[in-house]
Every structure is written in structure tokens, then in C-alpha cells.
Amino acid sequence: MLVSGAIRQSLINSVQEPYLQTFLTFDLIPQRNLRDTRYSNEQKHLYNTISDMRSRGNNDREISDYLNTQGFKTLSGKRFDSSSAYDIVRKRNMRLNILNKEAPAVLRNFGIFILQ
């Protein structure tokens, strides 16, 4: 998608004839962040549960004990420990920070036109 077609900026060439104008043209193409934002329902539930328990003042050991008594397993199929609960929140926050960064625009199709 082009932003308002080719953007033209007029540059006056002082070396050439007084009525000669030089135009630099290029396409400004906005980029979007292509990282996948989908979480499975279980991942969402785990993140929400851990976040809720942390907001109520539970520490990571209490959270991991609760998740184990509820029958939850880590992605590798193991029991939760305090670092597992902490890592879920830490990685989710890191992921959100990356997704919220704006991707830079790309300039392409440069051209120079001289008009008399």
C-alpha cells in the first residue's frame, strides 16, 4: 500500500537554467509488525490466572502450588515450579513490548525527473 502515491519533493537545481526543476520521487510504504499475537485458550487462561493471583498478593511459589493442585502442566508436560509461573508473565510482557513497537516505513522506487 502506498501512502498517497509517489511523494514528490521539488528540488531546485541552482547550477542549471533558472526554469529547470528537478523532482525526486519515491514510494513510502508503511510496514506492519508481522509477529504472531495468537495465544491458545490454555495460555490465556494460565496468564490471566497467574496475573490475578499476583495482583492479590500471592507469590510465585503459592501460584505454582495452586496450578499444580488444579492439574495444570507446563508446555513440556511437567509440574509448575515458581520459576515457571514467573516466566509465563515475564515472557508475555516481553512479547507485548515487542508487538507494541512500531515497524519503520520503507522507501522504494526512487526516481529523478527533470522538467523544463
PDB file of N, CA and C in Angstrom:
ATOM      1  N   MET A   1       0.849  -1.176   0.000  1.00  0.00           N
ATOM      2  CA  MET A   1       0.000   0.000   0.000  1.00  0.00           C
ATOM      3  C   MET A   1       0.887   1.228   0.000  1.00  0.00           C
ATOM      4  N   LEU A   2       0.612   2.160  -0.877  1.00  0.00           N
ATOM      5  CA  LEU A   2       1.388   3.383  -0.963  1.00  0.00           C
ATOM      6  C   LEU A   2       0.696   4.477  -0.172  1.00  0.00           C
ATOM      7  N   VAL A   3       1.491   5.308   0.458  1.00  0.00           N
ATOM      8  CA  VAL A   3       0.927   6.445   1.166  1.00  0.00           C
ATOM      9  C   VAL A   3       0.808   7.585   0.174  1.00  0.00           C
ATOM     10  N   SER A   4      -0.408   7.905  -0.203  1.00  0.00           N
ATOM     11  CA  SER A   4      -0.750   8.967  -1.150  1.00  0.00           C
ATOM     12  C   SER A   4       0.106   8.921  -2.418  1.00  0.00           C
ATOM     13  N   GLY A   5       0.253   7.708  -2.986  1.00  0.00           N
ATOM     14  CA  GLY A   5       1.005   7.543  -4.228  1.00  0.00           C
ATOM     15  C   GLY A   5       2.466   7.876  -4.041  1.00  0.00           C
ATOM     16  N   ALA A   6       3.103   8.307  -5.102  1.00  0.00           N
ATOM     17  CA  ALA A   6       4.522   8.701  -5.020  1.00  0.00           C
ATOM     18  C   ALA A   6       4.597  10.104  -4.445  1.00  0.00           C
ATOM     19  N   ILE A   7       5.393  10.286  -3.443  1.00  0.00           N
ATOM     20  CA  ILE A   7       5.571  11.598  -2.822  1.00  0.00           C
ATOM     21  C   ILE A   7       6.636  12.342  -3.602  1.00  0.00           C
ATOM     22  N   ARG A   8       6.304  13.545  -4.059  1.00  0.00           N
ATOM     23  CA  ARG A   8       7.238  14.308  -4.867  1.00  0.00           C
ATOM     24  C   ARG A   8       7.732  15.510  -4.073  1.00  0.00           C
ATOM     25  N   GLN A   9       8.998  15.655  -4.062  1.00  0.00           N
ATOM     26  CA  GLN A   9       9.586  16.804  -3.382  1.00  0.00           C
ATOM     27  C   GLN A   9      10.384  17.595  -4.409  1.00  0.00           C
ATOM     28  N   SER A  10      10.069  18.852  -4.520  1.00  0.00           N
ATOM     29  CA  SER A  10      10.712  19.693  -5.523  1.00  0.00           C
ATOM     30  C   SER A  10      12.072  20.152  -5.023  1.00  0.00           C
ATOM     31  N   LEU A  11      13.086  19.924  -5.838  1.00  0.00           N
ATOM     32  CA  LEU A  11      14.435  20.386  -5.537  1.00  0.00           C
ATOM     33  C   LEU A  11      14.874  21.289  -6.677  1.00  0.00           C
ATOM     34  N   ILE A  12      15.256  22.501  -6.378  1.00  0.00           N
ATOM     35  CA  ILE A  12      15.683  23.431  -7.420  1.00  0.00           C
ATOM     36  C   ILE A  12      17.180  23.298  -7.606  1.00  0.00           C
ATOM     37  N   ASN A  13      17.563  23.046  -8.838  1.00  0.00           N
ATOM     38  CA  ASN A  13      18.979  22.883  -9.158  1.00  0.00           C
ATOM     39  C   ASN A  13      19.546  24.251  -9.535  1.00  0.00           C
ATOM     40  N   SER A  14      20.368  24.820  -8.671  1.00  0.00           N
ATOM     41  CA  SER A  14      20.861  26.178  -8.884  1.00  0.00           C
ATOM     42  C   SER A  14      21.938  26.247  -9.957  1.00  0.00           C
ATOM     43  N   VAL A  15      22.501  25.108 -10.350  1.00  0.00           N
ATOM     44  CA  VAL A  15      23.577  25.111 -11.337  1.00  0.00           C
ATOM     45  C   VAL A  15      23.013  25.210 -12.747  1.00  0.00           C
ATOM     46  N   GLN A  16      21.811  24.686 -12.983  1.00  0.00           N
ATOM     47  CA  GLN A  16      21.247  24.630 -14.324  1.00  0.00           C
ATOM     48  C   GLN A  16      20.417  25.882 -14.609  1.00  0.00           C
ATOM     49  N   GLU A  17      19.740  25.882 -15.727  1.00  0.00           N
ATOM     50  CA  GLU A  17      18.939  27.037 -16.151  1.00  0.00           C
ATOM     51  C   GLU A  17      17.934  27.410 -15.064  1.00  0.00           C
ATOM     52  N   PRO A  18      17.527  28.671 -15.000  1.00  0.00           N
ATOM     53  CA  PRO A  18      16.648  29.122 -13.924  1.00  0.00           C
ATOM     54  C   PRO A  18      15.271  28.452 -13.930  1.00  0.00           C
ATOM     55  N   TYR A  19      14.789  27.964 -15.081  1.00  0.00           N
ATOM     56  CA  TYR A  19      13.455  27.370 -15.139  1.00  0.00           C
ATOM     57  C   TYR A  19      13.480  25.847 -15.119  1.00  0.00           C
ATOM     58  N   LEU A  20      14.613  25.293 -14.870  1.00  0.00           N
ATOM     59  CA  LEU A  20      14.756  23.845 -14.829  1.00  0.00           C
ATOM     60  C   LEU A  20      14.496  23.368 -13.405  1.00  0.00           C
ATOM     61  N   GLN A  21      13.569  22.416 -13.252  1.00  0.00           N
ATOM     62  CA  GLN A  21      13.264  21.881 -11.918  1.00  0.00           C
ATOM     63  C   GLN A  21      13.567  20.393 -11.885  1.00  0.00           C
ATOM     64  N   THR A  22      14.085  19.951 -10.758  1.00  0.00           N
ATOM     65  CA  THR A  22      14.389  18.544 -10.558  1.00  0.00           C
ATOM     66  C   THR A  22      13.468  17.997  -9.470  1.00  0.00           C
ATOM     67  N   PHE A  23      12.852  16.850  -9.746  1.00  0.00           N
ATOM     68  CA  PHE A  23      11.949  16.225  -8.784  1.00  0.00           C
ATOM     69  C   PHE A  23      12.513  14.872  -8.379  1.00  0.00           C
ATOM     70  N   LEU A  24      12.557  14.644  -7.091  1.00  0.00           N
ATOM     71  CA  LEU A  24      12.918  13.335  -6.547  1.00  0.00           C
ATOM     72  C   LEU A  24      11.622  12.633  -6.180  1.00  0.00           C
ATOM     73  N   THR A  25      11.398  11.442  -6.715  1.00  0.00           N
ATOM     74  CA  THR A  25      10.180  10.694  -6.405  1.00  0.00           C
ATOM     75  C   THR A  25      10.556   9.399  -5.703  1.00  0.00           C
ATOM     76  N   PHE A  26       9.670   8.958  -4.844  1.00  0.00           N
ATOM     77  CA  PHE A  26       9.858   7.678  -4.158  1.00  0.00           C
ATOM     78  C   PHE A  26       8.524   7.224  -3.593  1.00  0.00           C
ATOM     79  N   ASP A  27       8.427   5.943  -3.293  1.00  0.00           N
ATOM     80  CA  ASP A  27       7.243   5.362  -2.660  1.00  0.00           C
ATOM     81  C   ASP A  27       7.551   5.156  -1.181  1.00  0.00           C
ATOM     82  N   LEU A  28       6.665   5.623  -0.318  1.00  0.00           N
ATOM     83  CA  LEU A  28       6.773   5.415   1.116  1.00  0.00           C
ATOM     84  C   LEU A  28       5.791   4.314   1.485  1.00  0.00           C
ATOM     85  N   ILE A  29       6.312   3.162   1.907  1.00  0.00           N
ATOM     86  CA  ILE A  29       5.477   2.005   2.179  1.00  0.00           C
ATOM     87  C   ILE A  29       5.504   1.713   3.677  1.00  0.00           C
ATOM     88  N   PRO A  30       4.369   1.908   4.368  1.00  0.00           N
ATOM     89  CA  PRO A  30       4.346   1.611   5.798  1.00  0.00           C
ATOM     90  C   PRO A  30       4.438   0.100   6.023  1.00  0.00           C
ATOM     91  N   GLN A  31       5.141  -0.294   7.047  1.00  0.00           N
ATOM     92  CA  GLN A  31       5.282  -1.698   7.385  1.00  0.00           C
ATOM     93  C   GLN A  31       4.435  -1.981   8.617  1.00  0.00           C
ATOM     94  N   ARG A  32       4.042  -3.226   8.775  1.00  0.00           N
ATOM     95  CA  ARG A  32       3.325  -3.600   9.985  1.00  0.00           C
ATOM     96  C   ARG A  32       4.095  -4.702  10.673  1.00  0.00           C
ATOM     97  N   ASN A  33       3.846  -4.822  11.944  1.00  0.00           N
ATOM     98  CA  ASN A  33       4.528  -5.834  12.727  1.00  0.00           C
ATOM     99  C   ASN A  33       3.929  -7.190  12.371  1.00  0.00           C
ATOM    100  N   LEU A  34       4.748  -8.105  11.878  1.00  0.00           N
ATOM    101  CA  LEU A  34       4.249  -9.393  11.390  1.00  0.00           C
ATOM    102  C   LEU A  34       4.333 -10.511  12.432  1.00  0.00           C
ATOM    103  N   ARG A  35       4.696 -10.164  13.647  1.00  0.00           N
ATOM    104  CA  ARG A  35       4.793 -11.205  14.674  1.00  0.00           C
ATOM    105  C   ARG A  35       3.405 -11.703  15.034  1.00  0.00           C
ATOM    106  N   ASP A  36       3.315 -12.979  15.291  1.00  0.00           N
ATOM    107  CA  ASP A  36       2.040 -13.618  15.607  1.00  0.00           C
ATOM    108  C   ASP A  36       1.623 -13.265  17.032  1.00  0.00           C
ATOM    109  N   THR A  37       0.384 -12.848  17.223  1.00  0.00           N
ATOM    110  CA  THR A  37      -0.101 -12.449  18.540  1.00  0.00           C
ATOM    111  C   THR A  37      -1.044 -13.474  19.154  1.00  0.00           C
ATOM    112  N   ARG A  38      -1.275 -14.566  18.478  1.00  0.00           N
ATOM    113  CA  ARG A  38      -2.259 -15.522  18.976  1.00  0.00           C
ATOM    114  C   ARG A  38      -1.715 -16.328  20.150  1.00  0.00           C
ATOM    115  N   TYR A  39      -2.560 -16.506  21.134  1.00  0.00           N
ATOM    116  CA  TYR A  39      -2.287 -17.355  22.281  1.00  0.00           C
ATOM    117  C   TYR A  39      -3.368 -18.421  22.292  1.00  0.00           C
ATOM    118  N   SER A  40      -3.022 -19.623  22.709  1.00  0.00           N
ATOM    119  CA  SER A  40      -4.055 -20.643  22.844  1.00  0.00           C
ATOM    120  C   SER A  40      -4.934 -20.285  24.042  1.00  0.00           C
ATOM    121  N   ASN A  41      -6.098 -20.888  24.120  1.00  0.00           N
ATOM    122  CA  ASN A  41      -7.003 -20.610  25.240  1.00  0.00           C
ATOM    123  C   ASN A  41      -6.363 -20.994  26.567  1.00  0.00           C
ATOM    124  N   GLU A  42      -5.604 -22.088  26.582  1.00  0.00           N
ATOM    125  CA  GLU A  42      -4.944 -22.506  27.821  1.00  0.00           C
ATOM    126  C   GLU A  42      -3.864 -21.502  28.231  1.00  0.00           C
ATOM    127  N   GLN A  43      -3.106 -20.990  27.251  1.00  0.00           N
ATOM    128  CA  GLN A  43      -2.092 -19.991  27.568  1.00  0.00           C
ATOM    129  C   GLN A  43      -2.730 -18.716  28.118  1.00  0.00           C
ATOM    130  N   LYS A  44      -3.845 -18.292  27.522  1.00  0.00           N
ATOM    131  CA  LYS A  44      -4.551 -17.107  28.017  1.00  0.00           C
ATOM    132  C   LYS A  44      -5.044 -17.336  29.443  1.00  0.00           C
ATOM    133  N   HIS A  45      -5.620 -18.511  29.665  1.00  0.00           N
ATOM    134  CA  HIS A  45      -6.152 -18.833  30.999  1.00  0.00           C
ATOM    135  C   HIS A  45      -5.031 -18.843  32.035  1.00  0.00           C
ATOM    136  N   LEU A  46      -3.911 -19.475  31.712  1.00  0.00           N
ATOM    137  CA  LEU A  46      -2.784 -19.511  32.645  1.00  0.00           C
ATOM    138  C   LEU A  46      -2.268 -18.105  32.944  1.00  0.00           C
ATOM    139  N   TYR A  47      -2.081 -17.305  31.905  1.00  0.00           N
ATOM    140  CA  TYR A  47      -1.590 -15.944  32.106  1.00  0.00           C
ATOM    141  C   TYR A  47      -2.557 -15.140  32.969  1.00  0.00           C
ATOM    142  N   ASN A  48      -3.851 -15.220  32.670  1.00  0.00           N
ATOM    143  CA  ASN A  48      -4.848 -14.480  33.439  1.00  0.00           C
ATOM    144  C   ASN A  48      -4.901 -14.946  34.889  1.00  0.00           C
ATOM    145  N   THR A  49      -4.827 -16.265  35.101  1.00  0.00           N
ATOM    146  CA  THR A  49      -4.853 -16.812  36.458  1.00  0.00           C
ATOM    147  C   THR A  49      -3.645 -16.335  37.253  1.00  0.00           C
ATOM    148  N   ILE A  50      -2.474 -16.431  36.659  1.00  0.00           N
ATOM    149  CA  ILE A  50      -1.244 -16.010  37.346  1.00  0.00           C
ATOM    150  C   ILE A  50      -1.274 -14.511  37.624  1.00  0.00           C
ATOM    151  N   SER A  51      -1.710 -13.722  36.653  1.00  0.00           N
ATOM    152  CA  SER A  51      -1.783 -12.267  36.846  1.00  0.00           C
ATOM    153  C   SER A  51      -2.761 -11.902  37.950  1.00  0.00           C
ATOM    154  N   ASP A  52      -3.921 -12.563  37.966  1.00  0.00           N
ATOM    155  CA  ASP A  52      -4.916 -12.291  39.009  1.00  0.00           C
ATOM    156  C   ASP A  52      -4.364 -12.642  40.386  1.00  0.00           C
ATOM    157  N   MET A  53      -3.715 -13.793  40.490  1.00  0.00           N
ATOM    158  CA  MET A  53      -3.176 -14.208  41.786  1.00  0.00           C
ATOM    159  C   MET A  53      -2.050 -13.265  42.235  1.00  0.00           C
ATOM    160  N   ARG A  54      -1.241 -12.809  41.314  1.00  0.00           N
ATOM    161  CA  ARG A  54      -0.167 -11.862  41.668  1.00  0.00           C
ATOM    162  C   ARG A  54      -0.747 -10.541  42.148  1.00  0.00           C
ATOM    163  N   SER A  55      -1.826 -10.090  41.488  1.00  0.00           N
ATOM    164  CA  SER A  55      -2.442  -8.822  41.891  1.00  0.00           C
ATOM    165  C   SER A  55      -3.074  -8.923  43.279  1.00  0.00           C
ATOM    166  N   ARG A  56      -3.435 -10.146  43.706  1.00  0.00           N
ATOM    167  CA  ARG A  56      -3.989 -10.353  45.050  1.00  0.00           C
ATOM    168  C   ARG A  56      -2.899 -10.573  46.094  1.00  0.00           C
ATOM    169  N   GLY A  57      -1.631 -10.533  45.652  1.00  0.00           N
ATOM    170  CA  GLY A  57      -0.535 -10.620  46.611  1.00  0.00           C
ATOM    171  C   GLY A  57       0.098 -12.001  46.763  1.00  0.00           C
ATOM    172  N   ASN A  58      -0.332 -12.975  45.957  1.00  0.00           N
ATOM    173  CA  ASN A  58       0.278 -14.301  46.034  1.00  0.00           C
ATOM    174  C   ASN A  58       1.674 -14.270  45.429  1.00  0.00           C
ATOM    175  N   ASN A  59       2.594 -15.026  46.020  1.00  0.00           N
ATOM    176  CA  ASN A  59       3.935 -15.109  45.445  1.00  0.00           C
ATOM    177  C   ASN A  59       3.982 -16.261  44.439  1.00  0.00           C
ATOM    178  N   ASP A  60       5.098 -16.383  43.734  1.00  0.00           N
ATOM    179  CA  ASP A  60       5.195 -17.372  42.655  1.00  0.00           C
ATOM    180  C   ASP A  60       5.121 -18.811  43.173  1.00  0.00           C
ATOM    181  N   ARG A  61       5.606 -19.070  44.369  1.00  0.00           N
ATOM    182  CA  ARG A  61       5.520 -20.417  44.957  1.00  0.00           C
ATOM    183  C   ARG A  61       4.059 -20.788  45.212  1.00  0.00           C
ATOM    184  N   GLU A  62       3.290 -19.870  45.770  1.00  0.00           N
ATOM    185  CA  GLU A  62       1.872 -20.133  46.029  1.00  0.00           C
ATOM    186  C   GLU A  62       1.109 -20.330  44.715  1.00  0.00           C
ATOM    187  N   ILE A  63       1.458 -19.554  43.728  1.00  0.00           N
ATOM    188  CA  ILE A  63       0.797 -19.678  42.420  1.00  0.00           C
ATOM    189  C   ILE A  63       1.105 -21.024  41.790  1.00  0.00           C
ATOM    190  N   SER A  64       2.366 -21.440  41.819  1.00  0.00           N
ATOM    191  CA  SER A  64       2.729 -22.737  41.218  1.00  0.00           C
ATOM    192  C   SER A  64       2.082 -23.888  41.978  1.00  0.00           C
ATOM    193  N   ASP A  65       1.998 -23.794  43.301  1.00  0.00           N
ATOM    194  CA  ASP A  65       1.315 -24.836  44.084  1.00  0.00           C
ATOM    195  C   ASP A  65      -0.162 -24.925  43.698  1.00  0.00           C
ATOM    196  N   TYR A  66      -0.804 -23.772  43.533  1.00  0.00           N
ATOM    197  CA  TYR A  66      -2.206 -23.745  43.134  1.00  0.00           C
ATOM    198  C   TYR A  66      -2.402 -24.375  41.754  1.00  0.00           C
ATOM    199  N   LEU A  67      -1.554 -23.999  40.794  1.00  0.00           N
ATOM    200  CA  LEU A  67      -1.682 -24.544  39.436  1.00  0.00           C
ATOM    201  C   LEU A  67      -1.477 -26.064  39.433  1.00  0.00           C
ATOM    202  N   ASN A  68      -0.544 -26.550  40.236  1.00  0.00           N
ATOM    203  CA  ASN A  68      -0.311 -28.000  40.320  1.00  0.00           C
ATOM    204  C   ASN A  68      -1.503 -28.721  40.938  1.00  0.00           C
ATOM    205  N   THR A  69      -2.140 -28.130  41.981  1.00  0.00           N
ATOM    206  CA  THR A  69      -3.312 -28.777  42.587  1.00  0.00           C
ATOM    207  C   THR A  69      -4.506 -28.769  41.641  1.00  0.00           C
ATOM    208  N   GLN A  70      -4.535 -27.803  40.719  1.00  0.00           N
ATOM    209  CA  GLN A  70      -5.614 -27.741  39.730  1.00  0.00           C
ATOM    210  C   GLN A  70      -5.346 -28.637  38.523  1.00  0.00           C
ATOM    211  N   GLY A  71      -4.179 -29.269  38.474  1.00  0.00           N
ATOM    212  CA  GLY A  71      -3.871 -30.217  37.408  1.00  0.00           C
ATOM    213  C   GLY A  71      -3.234 -29.608  36.165  1.00  0.00           C
ATOM    214  N   PHE A  72      -2.813 -28.354  36.236  1.00  0.00           N
ATOM    215  CA  PHE A  72      -2.155 -27.730  35.089  1.00  0.00           C
ATOM    216  C   PHE A  72      -0.741 -28.274  34.939  1.00  0.00           C
ATOM    217  N   LYS A  73      -0.282 -28.337  33.706  1.00  0.00           N
ATOM    218  CA  LYS A  73       1.088 -28.746  33.392  1.00  0.00           C
ATOM    219  C   LYS A  73       1.737 -27.648  32.548  1.00  0.00           C
ATOM    220  N   THR A  74       3.064 -27.601  32.574  1.00  0.00           N
ATOM    221  CA  THR A  74       3.785 -26.667  31.714  1.00  0.00           C
ATOM    222  C   THR A  74       3.674 -27.157  30.270  1.00  0.00           C
ATOM    223  N   LEU A  75       4.147 -26.358  29.326  1.00  0.00           N
ATOM    224  CA  LEU A  75       4.084 -26.762  27.920  1.00  0.00           C
ATOM    225  C   LEU A  75       4.873 -28.044  27.661  1.00  0.00           C
ATOM    226  N   SER A  76       5.898 -28.283  28.480  1.00  0.00           N
ATOM    227  CA  SER A  76       6.682 -29.520  28.316  1.00  0.00           C
ATOM    228  C   SER A  76       6.083 -30.686  29.088  1.00  0.00           C
ATOM    229  N   GLY A  77       4.913 -30.485  29.719  1.00  0.00           N
ATOM    230  CA  GLY A  77       4.218 -31.565  30.404  1.00  0.00           C
ATOM    231  C   GLY A  77       4.679 -31.809  31.829  1.00  0.00           C
ATOM    232  N   LYS A  78       5.421 -30.888  32.399  1.00  0.00           N
ATOM    233  CA  LYS A  78       5.927 -31.044  33.766  1.00  0.00           C
ATOM    234  C   LYS A  78       5.088 -30.247  34.749  1.00  0.00           C
ATOM    235  N   ARG A  79       5.372 -30.479  36.032  1.00  0.00           N
ATOM    236  CA  ARG A  79       4.700 -29.719  37.082  1.00  0.00           C
ATOM    237  C   ARG A  79       5.260 -28.297  37.122  1.00  0.00           C
ATOM    238  N   PHE A  80       4.442 -27.376  37.583  1.00  0.00           N
ATOM    239  CA  PHE A  80       4.876 -25.992  37.720  1.00  0.00           C
ATOM    240  C   PHE A  80       5.785 -25.837  38.924  1.00  0.00           C
ATOM    241  N   ASP A  81       6.805 -25.010  38.774  1.00  0.00           N
ATOM    242  CA  ASP A  81       7.573 -24.547  39.927  1.00  0.00           C
ATOM    243  C   ASP A  81       7.502 -23.021  39.902  1.00  0.00           C
ATOM    244  N   SER A  82       8.083 -22.388  40.888  1.00  0.00           N
ATOM    245  CA  SER A  82       7.923 -20.924  40.995  1.00  0.00           C
ATOM    246  C   SER A  82       8.492 -20.198  39.775  1.00  0.00           C
ATOM    247  N   SER A  83       9.570 -20.717  39.197  1.00  0.00           N
ATOM    248  CA  SER A  83      10.133 -20.039  38.031  1.00  0.00           C
ATOM    249  C   SER A  83       9.235 -20.199  36.799  1.00  0.00           C
ATOM    250  N   SER A  84       8.491 -21.285  36.712  1.00  0.00           N
ATOM    251  CA  SER A  84       7.576 -21.476  35.573  1.00  0.00           C
ATOM    252  C   SER A  84       6.480 -20.416  35.580  1.00  0.00           C
ATOM    253  N   ALA A  85       5.907 -20.169  36.752  1.00  0.00           N
ATOM    254  CA  ALA A  85       4.846 -19.167  36.860  1.00  0.00           C
ATOM    255  C   ALA A  85       5.399 -17.776  36.546  1.00  0.00           C
ATOM    256  N   TYR A  86       6.578 -17.489  37.052  1.00  0.00           N
ATOM    257  CA  TYR A  86       7.209 -16.198  36.803  1.00  0.00           C
ATOM    258  C   TYR A  86       7.500 -16.023  35.312  1.00  0.00           C
ATOM    259  N   ASP A  87       8.009 -17.060  34.661  1.00  0.00           N
ATOM    260  CA  ASP A  87       8.382 -16.982  33.250  1.00  0.00           C
ATOM    261  C   ASP A  87       7.186 -16.733  32.334  1.00  0.00           C
ATOM    262  N   ILE A  88       6.040 -17.281  32.677  1.00  0.00           N
ATOM    263  CA  ILE A  88       4.849 -17.070  31.844  1.00  0.00           C
ATOM    264  C   ILE A  88       4.509 -15.586  31.783  1.00  0.00           C
ATOM    265  N   VAL A  89       4.524 -14.921  32.924  1.00  0.00           N
ATOM    266  CA  VAL A  89       4.212 -13.485  32.955  1.00  0.00           C
ATOM    267  C   VAL A  89       5.329 -12.690  32.293  1.00  0.00           C
ATOM    268  N   ARG A  90       6.577 -13.022  32.585  1.00  0.00           N
ATOM    269  CA  ARG A  90       7.716 -12.291  32.031  1.00  0.00           C
ATOM    270  C   ARG A  90       7.733 -12.383  30.505  1.00  0.00           C
ATOM    271  N   LYS A  91       7.534 -13.580  29.963  1.00  0.00           N
ATOM    272  CA  LYS A  91       7.583 -13.761  28.506  1.00  0.00           C
ATOM    273  C   LYS A  91       6.397 -13.085  27.825  1.00  0.00           C
ATOM    274  N   ARG A  92       5.235 -13.123  28.457  1.00  0.00           N
ATOM    275  CA  ARG A  92       4.061 -12.450  27.882  1.00  0.00           C
ATOM    276  C   ARG A  92       4.302 -10.938  27.823  1.00  0.00           C
ATOM    277  N   ASN A  93       4.865 -10.378  28.880  1.00  0.00           N
ATOM    278  CA  ASN A  93       5.145  -8.942  28.892  1.00  0.00           C
ATOM    279  C   ASN A  93       6.203  -8.574  27.860  1.00  0.00           C
ATOM    280  N   MET A  94       7.233  -9.410  27.702  1.00  0.00           N
ATOM    281  CA  MET A  94       8.245  -9.167  26.680  1.00  0.00           C
ATOM    282  C   MET A  94       7.613  -9.200  25.289  1.00  0.00           C
ATOM    283  N   ARG A  95       6.731 -10.158  25.082  1.00  0.00           N
ATOM    284  CA  ARG A  95       6.062 -10.295  23.792  1.00  0.00           C
ATOM    285  C   ARG A  95       5.208  -9.075  23.479  1.00  0.00           C
ATOM    286  N   LEU A  96       4.486  -8.591  24.477  1.00  0.00           N
ATOM    287  CA  LEU A  96       3.647  -7.414  24.262  1.00  0.00           C
ATOM    288  C   LEU A  96       4.492  -6.179  23.970  1.00  0.00           C
ATOM    289  N   ASN A  97       5.636  -6.054  24.623  1.00  0.00           N
ATOM    290  CA  ASN A  97       6.527  -4.921  24.351  1.00  0.00           C
ATOM    291  C   ASN A  97       7.033  -4.952  22.915  1.00  0.00           C
ATOM    292  N   ILE A  98       7.373  -6.115  22.420  1.00  0.00           N
ATOM    293  CA  ILE A  98       7.842  -6.251  21.038  1.00  0.00           C
ATOM    294  C   ILE A  98       6.718  -5.930  20.060  1.00  0.00           C
ATOM    295  N   LEU A  99       5.521  -6.427  20.342  1.00  0.00           N
ATOM    296  CA  LEU A  99       4.391  -6.206  19.438  1.00  0.00           C
ATOM    297  C   LEU A  99       3.972  -4.741  19.398  1.00  0.00           C
ATOM    298  N   ASN A 100       4.201  -4.013  20.476  1.00  0.00           N
ATOM    299  CA  ASN A 100       3.785  -2.615  20.526  1.00  0.00           C
ATOM    300  C   ASN A 100       4.774  -1.673  19.862  1.00  0.00           C
ATOM    301  N   LYS A 101       5.943  -2.168  19.496  1.00  0.00           N
ATOM    302  CA  LYS A 101       6.912  -1.320  18.805  1.00  0.00           C
ATOM    303  C   LYS A 101       6.449  -1.095  17.370  1.00  0.00           C
ATOM    304  N   GLU A 102       6.618   0.125  16.916  1.00  0.00           N
ATOM    305  CA  GLU A 102       6.198   0.462  15.557  1.00  0.00           C
ATOM    306  C   GLU A 102       7.266   0.045  14.553  1.00  0.00           C
ATOM    307  N   ALA A 103       6.842  -0.598  13.502  1.00  0.00           N
ATOM    308  CA  ALA A 103       7.776  -1.016  12.452  1.00  0.00           C
ATOM    309  C   ALA A 103       8.098   0.188  11.570  1.00  0.00           C
ATOM    310  N   PRO A 104       9.344   0.343  11.154  1.00  0.00           N
ATOM    311  CA  PRO A 104       9.707   1.505  10.331  1.00  0.00           C
ATOM    312  C   PRO A 104       9.149   1.384   8.912  1.00  0.00           C
ATOM    313  N   ALA A 105       8.903   2.538   8.300  1.00  0.00           N
ATOM    314  CA  ALA A 105       8.443   2.565   6.912  1.00  0.00           C
ATOM    315  C   ALA A 105       9.628   2.316   5.983  1.00  0.00           C
ATOM    316  N   VAL A 106       9.329   1.880   4.764  1.00  0.00           N
ATOM    317  CA  VAL A 106      10.361   1.569   3.779  1.00  0.00           C
ATOM    318  C   VAL A 106      10.205   2.514   2.591  1.00  0.00           C
ATOM    319  N   LEU A 107      11.324   3.060   2.140  1.00  0.00           N
ATOM    320  CA  LEU A 107      11.331   3.899   0.938  1.00  0.00           C
ATOM    321  C   LEU A 107      11.805   3.049  -0.232  1.00  0.00           C
ATOM    322  N   ARG A 108      11.068   3.099  -1.354  1.00  0.00           N
ATOM    323  CA  ARG A 108      11.407   2.304  -2.545  1.00  0.00           C
ATOM    324  C   ARG A 108      11.151   3.112  -3.806  1.00  0.00           C
ATOM    325  N   ASN A 109      11.594   2.562  -4.925  1.00  0.00           N
ATOM    326  CA  ASN A 109      11.307   3.105  -6.255  1.00  0.00           C
ATOM    327  C   ASN A 109      11.721   4.569  -6.394  1.00  0.00           C
ATOM    328  N   PHE A 110      12.971   4.836  -6.143  1.00  0.00           N
ATOM    329  CA  PHE A 110      13.487   6.191  -6.284  1.00  0.00           C
ATOM    330  C   PHE A 110      13.596   6.566  -7.763  1.00  0.00           C
ATOM    331  N   GLY A 111      13.331   7.806  -8.030  1.00  0.00           N
ATOM    332  CA  GLY A 111      13.473   8.304  -9.390  1.00  0.00           C
ATOM    333  C   GLY A 111      13.745   9.795  -9.387  1.00  0.00           C
ATOM    334  N   ILE A 112      14.361  10.271 -10.460  1.00  0.00           N
ATOM    335  CA  ILE A 112      14.631  11.695 -10.618  1.00  0.00           C
ATOM    336  C   ILE A 112      14.046  12.129 -11.961  1.00  0.00           C
ATOM    337  N   PHE A 113      13.234  13.191 -11.920  1.00  0.00           N
ATOM    338  CA  PHE A 113      12.633  13.734 -13.127  1.00  0.00           C
ATOM    339  C   PHE A 113      13.058  15.192 -13.254  1.00  0.00           C
ATOM    340  N   ILE A 114      13.441  15.573 -14.468  1.00  0.00           N
ATOM    341  CA  ILE A 114      13.850  16.955 -14.731  1.00  0.00           C
ATOM    342  C   ILE A 114      12.815  17.560 -15.675  1.00  0.00           C
ATOM    343  N   LEU A 115      12.242  18.656 -15.262  1.00  0.00           N
ATOM    344  CA  LEU A 115      11.222  19.362 -16.065  1.00  0.00           C
ATOM    345  C   LEU A 115      11.748  20.737 -16.440  1.00  0.00           C
ATOM    346  N   GLN A 116      11.422  21.155 -17.661  1.00  0.00           N
ATOM    347  CA  GLN A 116      11.826  22.493 -18.128  1.00  0.00           C
ATOM    348  C   GLN A 116      10.645  23.423 -18.113  1.00  0.00           C
TER     349      GLN A 116
END
